[in-house]
Amino acid sequence: AGTVPLVKSVSDETFQKYVAALNGPRDLKRGHELFLQGCAVCHRIGNEGHDVGPDLMGQLGLAEESLLKEILIPNERIRPGFETTLVQTRDGGALSGLLKDDGATSLTLAQAGGVEQVLLRKDVTGVRRLGSSLMPSYAETLTPADVANLLAWLRSNLRPESSKLPNN
């Protein structure tokens, strides 16, 4: 629980392979499966997923190349409040997550899967914000076609607010 994903860079050549895949055919069903397998542990779209990482709906209007960067190079631009926090405990352990509550007597870390760890201040010996994201780079685990499918499914959720209202 106290591990932090390694910061990896993605070569321009590799990035361009992912960009090229955006011009290929897309499979929305596969994109949805990928969201449920990888993204939903920390992100929510509608009633699927968890509220650990940033809300993705605000990101979906970005150009696909920008969204690609966020998936492949998550440490390049971290939204304020979503930096990884490393907490060292009196028993010699360490936990990492997103600092959700920083109270006088306890602090709360949000972790993948929507798990929240509440730690009493008396049990904490150190708290440090890291300049990294909890989100791993998917450059080594998703193919360019997979990322194109994922982006297609994510973008299929982007609708004007009025279309989300129930029919009368």
N, C-alpha and C. Protein backbone atom coordinates (compact mmCIF):
# COMPACT_ATOMS: atom_id res chain seq x y z
N ALA A 1 0.82 -1.20 0.00
CA ALA A 1 0.00 0.00 0.00
C ALA A 1 0.86 1.26 0.00
N GLY A 2 2.10 1.15 0.39
CA GLY A 2 2.96 2.33 0.42
C GLY A 2 3.79 2.49 -0.82
N THR A 3 3.42 1.81 -1.90
CA THR A 3 4.21 1.91 -3.13
C THR A 3 3.69 3.04 -4.00
N VAL A 4 4.60 3.62 -4.75
CA VAL A 4 4.29 4.72 -5.65
C VAL A 4 4.71 4.29 -7.05
N PRO A 5 3.83 4.48 -8.07
CA PRO A 5 4.23 4.07 -9.42
C PRO A 5 5.51 4.78 -9.86
N LEU A 6 6.34 4.05 -10.59
CA LEU A 6 7.56 4.64 -11.12
C LEU A 6 7.21 5.68 -12.17
N VAL A 7 7.98 6.77 -12.19
CA VAL A 7 7.78 7.80 -13.21
C VAL A 7 8.51 7.34 -14.45
N LYS A 8 7.75 7.11 -15.51
CA LYS A 8 8.35 6.64 -16.76
C LYS A 8 8.07 7.67 -17.85
N SER A 9 9.02 7.79 -18.74
CA SER A 9 8.80 8.68 -19.87
C SER A 9 8.41 7.83 -21.07
N VAL A 10 7.76 8.47 -22.01
CA VAL A 10 7.34 7.81 -23.23
C VAL A 10 8.04 8.52 -24.37
N SER A 11 8.73 7.76 -25.20
CA SER A 11 9.46 8.38 -26.31
C SER A 11 8.48 8.99 -27.31
N ASP A 12 8.95 9.96 -28.06
CA ASP A 12 8.11 10.58 -29.08
C ASP A 12 7.68 9.54 -30.11
N GLU A 13 8.58 8.62 -30.43
CA GLU A 13 8.26 7.56 -31.39
C GLU A 13 7.10 6.71 -30.90
N THR A 14 7.13 6.33 -29.63
CA THR A 14 6.05 5.54 -29.04
C THR A 14 4.76 6.34 -29.01
N PHE A 15 4.85 7.59 -28.59
CA PHE A 15 3.67 8.44 -28.53
C PHE A 15 3.02 8.54 -29.91
N GLN A 16 3.82 8.69 -30.95
CA GLN A 16 3.28 8.82 -32.31
C GLN A 16 2.56 7.54 -32.76
N LYS A 17 2.96 6.38 -32.26
CA LYS A 17 2.25 5.13 -32.57
C LYS A 17 0.83 5.18 -32.00
N TYR A 18 0.70 5.75 -30.81
CA TYR A 18 -0.62 5.89 -30.19
C TYR A 18 -1.45 6.92 -30.94
N VAL A 19 -0.83 8.01 -31.37
CA VAL A 19 -1.54 9.04 -32.15
C VAL A 19 -2.05 8.43 -33.45
N ALA A 20 -1.21 7.66 -34.12
CA ALA A 20 -1.59 7.03 -35.39
C ALA A 20 -2.80 6.11 -35.22
N ALA A 21 -2.88 5.42 -34.08
CA ALA A 21 -4.00 4.50 -33.84
C ALA A 21 -5.33 5.23 -33.73
N LEU A 22 -5.29 6.53 -33.43
CA LEU A 22 -6.53 7.30 -33.33
C LEU A 22 -7.25 7.39 -34.67
N ASN A 23 -6.54 7.16 -35.76
CA ASN A 23 -7.14 7.22 -37.09
C ASN A 23 -7.71 5.88 -37.52
N GLY A 24 -7.52 4.84 -36.72
CA GLY A 24 -7.99 3.51 -37.07
C GLY A 24 -9.42 3.28 -36.60
N PRO A 25 -9.92 2.07 -36.85
CA PRO A 25 -11.28 1.73 -36.40
C PRO A 25 -11.34 1.68 -34.87
N ARG A 26 -12.50 1.94 -34.33
CA ARG A 26 -12.68 1.95 -32.87
C ARG A 26 -13.75 0.96 -32.46
N ASP A 27 -13.56 0.35 -31.32
CA ASP A 27 -14.50 -0.62 -30.76
C ASP A 27 -14.96 -0.10 -29.40
N LEU A 28 -16.16 0.47 -29.36
CA LEU A 28 -16.67 1.06 -28.11
C LEU A 28 -16.85 0.02 -27.01
N LYS A 29 -17.27 -1.18 -27.38
CA LYS A 29 -17.45 -2.24 -26.37
C LYS A 29 -16.11 -2.56 -25.71
N ARG A 30 -15.07 -2.71 -26.51
CA ARG A 30 -13.72 -2.97 -25.97
C ARG A 30 -13.26 -1.80 -25.11
N GLY A 31 -13.54 -0.58 -25.56
CA GLY A 31 -13.17 0.61 -24.78
C GLY A 31 -13.83 0.62 -23.41
N HIS A 32 -15.11 0.21 -23.36
CA HIS A 32 -15.83 0.15 -22.09
C HIS A 32 -15.21 -0.91 -21.18
N GLU A 33 -14.88 -2.09 -21.75
CA GLU A 33 -14.21 -3.14 -20.98
C GLU A 33 -12.90 -2.64 -20.38
N LEU A 34 -12.13 -1.90 -21.18
CA LEU A 34 -10.85 -1.37 -20.69
C LEU A 34 -11.06 -0.36 -19.57
N PHE A 35 -12.09 0.48 -19.70
CA PHE A 35 -12.41 1.43 -18.63
C PHE A 35 -12.70 0.68 -17.34
N LEU A 36 -13.54 -0.34 -17.42
CA LEU A 36 -13.91 -1.10 -16.22
C LEU A 36 -12.71 -1.81 -15.60
N GLN A 37 -11.80 -2.33 -16.43
CA GLN A 37 -10.62 -3.06 -15.94
C GLN A 37 -9.57 -2.15 -15.33
N GLY A 38 -9.31 -1.00 -15.95
CA GLY A 38 -8.19 -0.18 -15.51
C GLY A 38 -8.54 1.16 -14.91
N CYS A 39 -9.48 1.85 -15.51
CA CYS A 39 -9.76 3.23 -15.09
C CYS A 39 -10.74 3.32 -13.93
N ALA A 40 -11.74 2.43 -13.92
CA ALA A 40 -12.83 2.53 -12.94
C ALA A 40 -12.37 2.31 -11.50
N VAL A 41 -11.18 1.77 -11.31
CA VAL A 41 -10.70 1.60 -9.93
C VAL A 41 -10.46 2.96 -9.26
N CYS A 42 -10.28 4.00 -10.08
CA CYS A 42 -10.06 5.33 -9.51
C CYS A 42 -10.94 6.44 -10.11
N HIS A 43 -11.52 6.20 -11.28
CA HIS A 43 -12.30 7.25 -11.96
C HIS A 43 -13.74 6.80 -12.15
N ARG A 44 -14.62 7.79 -12.19
CA ARG A 44 -16.05 7.52 -12.37
C ARG A 44 -16.54 8.17 -13.65
N ILE A 45 -17.38 7.42 -14.36
CA ILE A 45 -18.17 7.96 -15.46
C ILE A 45 -19.60 7.51 -15.17
N GLY A 46 -20.49 8.45 -14.99
CA GLY A 46 -21.87 8.09 -14.65
C GLY A 46 -21.90 7.33 -13.35
N ASN A 47 -22.52 6.14 -13.36
CA ASN A 47 -22.61 5.36 -12.12
C ASN A 47 -21.59 4.23 -12.06
N GLU A 48 -20.58 4.27 -12.96
CA GLU A 48 -19.54 3.25 -12.97
C GLU A 48 -18.22 3.82 -12.48
N GLY A 49 -17.56 3.08 -11.60
CA GLY A 49 -16.24 3.48 -11.13
C GLY A 49 -16.25 4.08 -9.74
N HIS A 50 -15.10 4.62 -9.37
CA HIS A 50 -14.90 5.18 -8.02
C HIS A 50 -14.42 6.62 -8.09
N ASP A 51 -14.74 7.36 -7.05
CA ASP A 51 -14.33 8.77 -6.95
C ASP A 51 -13.02 8.91 -6.20
N VAL A 52 -11.95 8.44 -6.76
CA VAL A 52 -10.63 8.61 -6.16
C VAL A 52 -9.87 9.67 -6.95
N GLY A 53 -9.69 9.43 -8.23
CA GLY A 53 -9.00 10.37 -9.11
C GLY A 53 -9.94 11.45 -9.61
N PRO A 54 -9.42 12.34 -10.44
CA PRO A 54 -10.25 13.43 -10.96
C PRO A 54 -11.44 12.92 -11.77
N ASP A 55 -12.50 13.71 -11.75
CA ASP A 55 -13.68 13.45 -12.56
C ASP A 55 -13.29 13.54 -14.03
N LEU A 56 -13.55 12.51 -14.79
CA LEU A 56 -13.14 12.49 -16.19
C LEU A 56 -14.03 13.31 -17.11
N MET A 57 -15.25 13.57 -16.71
CA MET A 57 -16.16 14.30 -17.61
C MET A 57 -15.59 15.66 -18.00
N GLY A 58 -14.91 16.32 -17.10
CA GLY A 58 -14.32 17.62 -17.41
C GLY A 58 -13.14 17.53 -18.37
N GLN A 59 -12.58 16.34 -18.51
CA GLN A 59 -11.42 16.14 -19.38
C GLN A 59 -11.81 15.74 -20.80
N LEU A 60 -13.00 15.20 -20.96
CA LEU A 60 -13.36 14.58 -22.23
C LEU A 60 -13.48 15.56 -23.39
N GLY A 61 -13.59 16.85 -23.10
CA GLY A 61 -13.65 17.84 -24.17
C GLY A 61 -12.28 18.18 -24.73
N LEU A 62 -11.23 17.70 -24.09
CA LEU A 62 -9.87 17.97 -24.58
C LEU A 62 -9.62 17.24 -25.90
N ALA A 63 -8.67 17.73 -26.66
CA ALA A 63 -8.25 17.04 -27.89
C ALA A 63 -7.75 15.64 -27.52
N GLU A 64 -7.94 14.68 -28.42
CA GLU A 64 -7.55 13.31 -28.12
C GLU A 64 -6.06 13.18 -27.84
N GLU A 65 -5.22 13.97 -28.50
CA GLU A 65 -3.78 13.89 -28.22
C GLU A 65 -3.49 14.31 -26.79
N SER A 66 -4.23 15.28 -26.26
CA SER A 66 -4.06 15.69 -24.86
C SER A 66 -4.50 14.58 -23.92
N LEU A 67 -5.61 13.93 -24.25
CA LEU A 67 -6.08 12.81 -23.43
C LEU A 67 -5.08 11.65 -23.47
N LEU A 68 -4.49 11.43 -24.65
CA LEU A 68 -3.45 10.41 -24.78
C LEU A 68 -2.31 10.67 -23.82
N LYS A 69 -1.86 11.91 -23.77
CA LYS A 69 -0.76 12.27 -22.86
C LYS A 69 -1.12 11.96 -21.42
N GLU A 70 -2.37 12.25 -21.04
CA GLU A 70 -2.78 12.01 -19.66
C GLU A 70 -2.80 10.51 -19.33
N ILE A 71 -3.09 9.68 -20.32
CA ILE A 71 -3.12 8.23 -20.11
C ILE A 71 -1.71 7.64 -20.13
N LEU A 72 -0.87 8.14 -21.03
CA LEU A 72 0.47 7.57 -21.20
C LEU A 72 1.51 8.21 -20.30
N ILE A 73 1.32 9.50 -19.98
CA ILE A 73 2.31 10.25 -19.18
C ILE A 73 1.56 10.98 -18.05
N PRO A 74 0.98 10.25 -17.10
CA PRO A 74 0.14 10.89 -16.08
C PRO A 74 0.87 11.85 -15.15
N ASN A 75 2.19 11.76 -15.08
CA ASN A 75 2.93 12.66 -14.20
C ASN A 75 3.24 14.00 -14.84
N GLU A 76 2.97 14.15 -16.12
CA GLU A 76 3.30 15.40 -16.80
C GLU A 76 2.46 16.57 -16.30
N ARG A 77 1.19 16.31 -16.02
CA ARG A 77 0.30 17.38 -15.56
C ARG A 77 -0.64 16.80 -14.52
N ILE A 78 -0.36 17.08 -13.25
CA ILE A 78 -1.18 16.56 -12.16
C ILE A 78 -2.05 17.69 -11.64
N ARG A 79 -3.33 17.43 -11.58
CA ARG A 79 -4.24 18.44 -11.06
C ARG A 79 -3.96 18.68 -9.58
N PRO A 80 -4.04 19.93 -9.13
CA PRO A 80 -3.85 20.22 -7.71
C PRO A 80 -4.83 19.40 -6.85
N GLY A 81 -4.31 18.83 -5.79
CA GLY A 81 -5.11 18.02 -4.90
C GLY A 81 -5.08 16.54 -5.25
N PHE A 82 -4.46 16.20 -6.39
CA PHE A 82 -4.40 14.81 -6.81
C PHE A 82 -2.96 14.29 -6.85
N GLU A 83 -2.09 14.95 -6.12
CA GLU A 83 -0.72 14.48 -5.99
C GLU A 83 -0.71 13.30 -5.01
N THR A 84 0.19 12.37 -5.22
CA THR A 84 0.33 11.25 -4.31
C THR A 84 0.85 11.74 -2.96
N THR A 85 0.26 11.24 -1.90
CA THR A 85 0.73 11.54 -0.55
C THR A 85 1.27 10.25 0.06
N LEU A 86 2.45 10.32 0.62
CA LEU A 86 3.08 9.19 1.27
C LEU A 86 3.04 9.44 2.78
N VAL A 87 2.48 8.49 3.50
CA VAL A 87 2.36 8.61 4.96
C VAL A 87 3.18 7.51 5.60
N GLN A 88 4.08 7.92 6.50
CA GLN A 88 4.88 6.96 7.26
C GLN A 88 4.25 6.80 8.64
N THR A 89 4.19 5.54 9.06
CA THR A 89 3.52 5.27 10.33
C THR A 89 4.53 4.87 11.41
N ARG A 90 4.09 5.02 12.63
CA ARG A 90 4.93 4.76 13.79
C ARG A 90 5.44 3.33 13.82
N ASP A 91 4.70 2.39 13.24
CA ASP A 91 5.12 0.98 13.24
C ASP A 91 6.12 0.66 12.12
N GLY A 92 6.59 1.70 11.41
CA GLY A 92 7.57 1.50 10.35
C GLY A 92 6.97 1.28 8.97
N GLY A 93 5.67 1.26 8.88
CA GLY A 93 4.99 1.05 7.60
C GLY A 93 4.82 2.36 6.84
N ALA A 94 4.30 2.24 5.65
CA ALA A 94 4.03 3.40 4.81
C ALA A 94 2.79 3.13 3.98
N LEU A 95 2.00 4.16 3.75
CA LEU A 95 0.81 4.08 2.91
C LEU A 95 0.86 5.23 1.92
N SER A 96 0.33 4.98 0.73
CA SER A 96 0.24 6.06 -0.24
C SER A 96 -1.18 6.15 -0.74
N GLY A 97 -1.55 7.34 -1.16
CA GLY A 97 -2.90 7.58 -1.67
C GLY A 97 -3.08 9.06 -1.91
N LEU A 98 -4.32 9.45 -2.09
CA LEU A 98 -4.64 10.87 -2.24
C LEU A 98 -5.16 11.37 -0.91
N LEU A 99 -4.59 12.46 -0.43
CA LEU A 99 -4.99 13.02 0.85
C LEU A 99 -6.36 13.66 0.70
N LYS A 100 -7.38 13.03 1.29
CA LYS A 100 -8.75 13.51 1.17
C LYS A 100 -9.17 14.36 2.36
N ASP A 101 -8.61 14.06 3.53
CA ASP A 101 -8.96 14.83 4.72
C ASP A 101 -7.73 14.93 5.60
N ASP A 102 -7.45 16.12 6.05
CA ASP A 102 -6.28 16.39 6.87
C ASP A 102 -6.73 17.08 8.15
N GLY A 103 -7.27 16.29 9.06
CA GLY A 103 -7.83 16.85 10.29
C GLY A 103 -6.82 16.94 11.42
N ALA A 104 -7.27 17.50 12.52
CA ALA A 104 -6.41 17.70 13.68
C ALA A 104 -6.01 16.38 14.33
N THR A 105 -6.91 15.40 14.33
CA THR A 105 -6.63 14.14 15.02
C THR A 105 -6.45 12.95 14.07
N SER A 106 -6.82 13.13 12.80
CA SER A 106 -6.69 12.03 11.84
C SER A 106 -6.51 12.58 10.43
N LEU A 107 -6.08 11.69 9.55
CA LEU A 107 -6.03 12.04 8.13
C LEU A 107 -6.59 10.86 7.35
N THR A 108 -7.12 11.15 6.17
CA THR A 108 -7.74 10.13 5.34
C THR A 108 -7.07 10.09 3.98
N LEU A 109 -6.63 8.89 3.59
CA LEU A 109 -6.06 8.66 2.26
C LEU A 109 -7.06 7.87 1.43
N ALA A 110 -7.33 8.36 0.22
CA ALA A 110 -8.15 7.60 -0.73
C ALA A 110 -7.21 6.77 -1.59
N GLN A 111 -7.60 5.52 -1.83
CA GLN A 111 -6.78 4.59 -2.60
C GLN A 111 -7.62 3.94 -3.69
N ALA A 112 -6.96 3.26 -4.61
CA ALA A 112 -7.64 2.59 -5.71
C ALA A 112 -8.78 1.72 -5.20
N GLY A 113 -9.83 1.66 -5.97
CA GLY A 113 -10.99 0.86 -5.59
C GLY A 113 -11.93 1.59 -4.64
N GLY A 114 -11.65 2.87 -4.39
CA GLY A 114 -12.49 3.64 -3.49
C GLY A 114 -12.22 3.37 -2.02
N VAL A 115 -11.14 2.67 -1.73
CA VAL A 115 -10.78 2.36 -0.34
C VAL A 115 -10.28 3.63 0.34
N GLU A 116 -10.77 3.88 1.54
CA GLU A 116 -10.27 5.02 2.32
C GLU A 116 -9.60 4.49 3.58
N GLN A 117 -8.38 4.98 3.81
CA GLN A 117 -7.62 4.63 5.00
C GLN A 117 -7.64 5.83 5.94
N VAL A 118 -8.19 5.65 7.13
CA VAL A 118 -8.19 6.71 8.14
C VAL A 118 -7.07 6.38 9.12
N LEU A 119 -6.16 7.33 9.29
CA LEU A 119 -5.02 7.14 10.19
C LEU A 119 -5.08 8.17 11.30
N LEU A 120 -4.88 7.70 12.51
CA LEU A 120 -4.83 8.62 13.64
C LEU A 120 -3.49 9.35 13.63
N ARG A 121 -3.53 10.63 13.91
CA ARG A 121 -2.29 11.44 13.92
C ARG A 121 -1.24 10.85 14.85
N LYS A 122 -1.66 10.28 15.96
CA LYS A 122 -0.70 9.73 16.93
C LYS A 122 0.08 8.54 16.34
N ASP A 123 -0.45 7.93 15.26
CA ASP A 123 0.21 6.79 14.62
C ASP A 123 1.05 7.18 13.41
N VAL A 124 1.08 8.48 13.09
CA VAL A 124 1.76 8.96 11.89
C VAL A 124 3.06 9.67 12.27
N THR A 125 4.15 9.30 11.60
CA THR A 125 5.43 9.97 11.87
C THR A 125 5.83 10.93 10.75
N GLY A 126 5.22 10.80 9.60
CA GLY A 126 5.56 11.71 8.50
C GLY A 126 4.52 11.69 7.39
N VAL A 127 4.31 12.86 6.79
CA VAL A 127 3.39 13.02 5.66
C VAL A 127 4.12 13.82 4.61
N ARG A 128 4.16 13.27 3.39
CA ARG A 128 4.89 13.98 2.33
C ARG A 128 4.10 13.91 1.03
N ARG A 129 3.88 15.08 0.43
CA ARG A 129 3.27 15.13 -0.90
C ARG A 129 4.37 14.91 -1.91
N LEU A 130 4.10 14.02 -2.87
CA LEU A 130 5.08 13.70 -3.90
C LEU A 130 4.65 14.37 -5.21
N GLY A 131 5.60 14.67 -6.04
CA GLY A 131 5.29 15.27 -7.34
C GLY A 131 4.95 14.22 -8.37
N SER A 132 4.14 13.25 -7.97
CA SER A 132 3.78 12.18 -8.90
C SER A 132 2.31 11.84 -8.75
N SER A 133 1.80 11.17 -9.74
CA SER A 133 0.41 10.73 -9.77
C SER A 133 0.33 9.29 -9.29
N LEU A 134 -0.77 8.94 -8.65
CA LEU A 134 -1.01 7.54 -8.31
C LEU A 134 -1.28 6.73 -9.57
N MET A 135 -1.72 7.40 -10.62
CA MET A 135 -2.07 6.71 -11.86
C MET A 135 -0.81 6.21 -12.56
N PRO A 136 -0.81 4.93 -12.89
CA PRO A 136 0.35 4.41 -13.64
C PRO A 136 0.26 4.82 -15.11
N SER A 137 1.36 4.79 -15.81
CA SER A 137 1.35 4.99 -17.25
C SER A 137 0.82 3.71 -17.88
N TYR A 138 -0.06 3.87 -18.82
CA TYR A 138 -0.61 2.70 -19.51
C TYR A 138 0.13 2.41 -20.82
N ALA A 139 1.27 3.07 -21.04
CA ALA A 139 2.05 2.87 -22.26
C ALA A 139 2.57 1.44 -22.38
N GLU A 140 2.81 0.79 -21.27
CA GLU A 140 3.35 -0.57 -21.33
C GLU A 140 2.29 -1.65 -21.18
N THR A 141 1.07 -1.26 -20.83
CA THR A 141 0.04 -2.28 -20.60
C THR A 141 -1.09 -2.22 -21.62
N LEU A 142 -1.28 -1.10 -22.30
CA LEU A 142 -2.32 -0.99 -23.32
C LEU A 142 -1.69 -0.74 -24.68
N THR A 143 -2.22 -1.44 -25.68
CA THR A 143 -1.74 -1.23 -27.05
C THR A 143 -2.29 0.09 -27.59
N PRO A 144 -1.70 0.62 -28.64
CA PRO A 144 -2.27 1.83 -29.26
C PRO A 144 -3.74 1.65 -29.63
N ALA A 145 -4.12 0.48 -30.16
CA ALA A 145 -5.53 0.25 -30.52
C ALA A 145 -6.41 0.25 -29.27
N ASP A 146 -5.92 -0.34 -28.16
CA ASP A 146 -6.69 -0.33 -26.92
C ASP A 146 -6.95 1.09 -26.43
N VAL A 147 -5.93 1.92 -26.47
CA VAL A 147 -6.10 3.31 -26.00
C VAL A 147 -7.07 4.05 -26.92
N ALA A 148 -7.00 3.81 -28.22
CA ALA A 148 -7.95 4.44 -29.15
C ALA A 148 -9.38 3.99 -28.83
N ASN A 149 -9.56 2.70 -28.53
CA ASN A 149 -10.89 2.19 -28.16
C ASN A 149 -11.37 2.82 -26.85
N LEU A 150 -10.48 2.91 -25.88
CA LEU A 150 -10.83 3.52 -24.59
C LEU A 150 -11.25 4.97 -24.79
N LEU A 151 -10.47 5.73 -25.54
CA LEU A 151 -10.82 7.14 -25.78
C LEU A 151 -12.14 7.27 -26.52
N ALA A 152 -12.40 6.38 -27.46
CA ALA A 152 -13.68 6.43 -28.18
C ALA A 152 -14.83 6.21 -27.21
N TRP A 153 -14.69 5.22 -26.31
CA TRP A 153 -15.77 4.98 -25.35
C TRP A 153 -15.92 6.15 -24.38
N LEU A 154 -14.80 6.66 -23.89
CA LEU A 154 -14.88 7.80 -22.98
C LEU A 154 -15.58 8.98 -23.65
N ARG A 155 -15.18 9.28 -24.88
CA ARG A 155 -15.76 10.42 -25.60
C ARG A 155 -17.24 10.18 -25.92
N SER A 156 -17.66 8.91 -26.03
CA SER A 156 -19.07 8.62 -26.31
C SER A 156 -19.96 9.03 -25.12
N ASN A 157 -19.35 9.26 -23.97
CA ASN A 157 -20.07 9.68 -22.77
C ASN A 157 -20.22 11.20 -22.68
N LEU A 158 -19.59 11.90 -23.58
CA LEU A 158 -19.60 13.37 -23.55
C LEU A 158 -20.85 13.85 -24.28
N ARG A 159 -21.82 14.31 -23.51
CA ARG A 159 -23.06 14.79 -24.10
C ARG A 159 -23.45 16.09 -23.42
N PRO A 160 -24.18 16.93 -24.12
CA PRO A 160 -24.68 18.15 -23.47
C PRO A 160 -25.52 17.75 -22.25
N GLU A 161 -25.48 18.57 -21.23
CA GLU A 161 -26.21 18.28 -20.00
C GLU A 161 -27.69 18.03 -20.27
N SER A 162 -28.29 18.76 -21.21
CA SER A 162 -29.72 18.62 -21.46
C SER A 162 -30.08 17.21 -21.94
N SER A 163 -29.16 16.51 -22.61
CA SER A 163 -29.46 15.16 -23.09
C SER A 163 -29.38 14.13 -21.96
N LYS A 164 -28.89 14.53 -20.82
CA LYS A 164 -28.81 13.60 -19.69
C LYS A 164 -30.07 13.64 -18.83
N LEU A 165 -30.93 14.63 -19.08
CA LEU A 165 -32.14 14.74 -18.28
C LEU A 165 -33.12 13.65 -18.69
N PRO A 166 -33.89 13.11 -17.72
CA PRO A 166 -34.85 12.08 -18.08
C PRO A 166 -35.93 12.66 -18.99
N ASN A 167 -36.48 11.80 -19.84
CA ASN A 167 -37.57 12.25 -20.71
C ASN A 167 -38.83 12.46 -19.90
N ASN A 168 -39.58 13.48 -20.26
CA ASN A 168 -40.84 13.75 -19.52
C ASN A 168 -41.96 12.94 -20.10
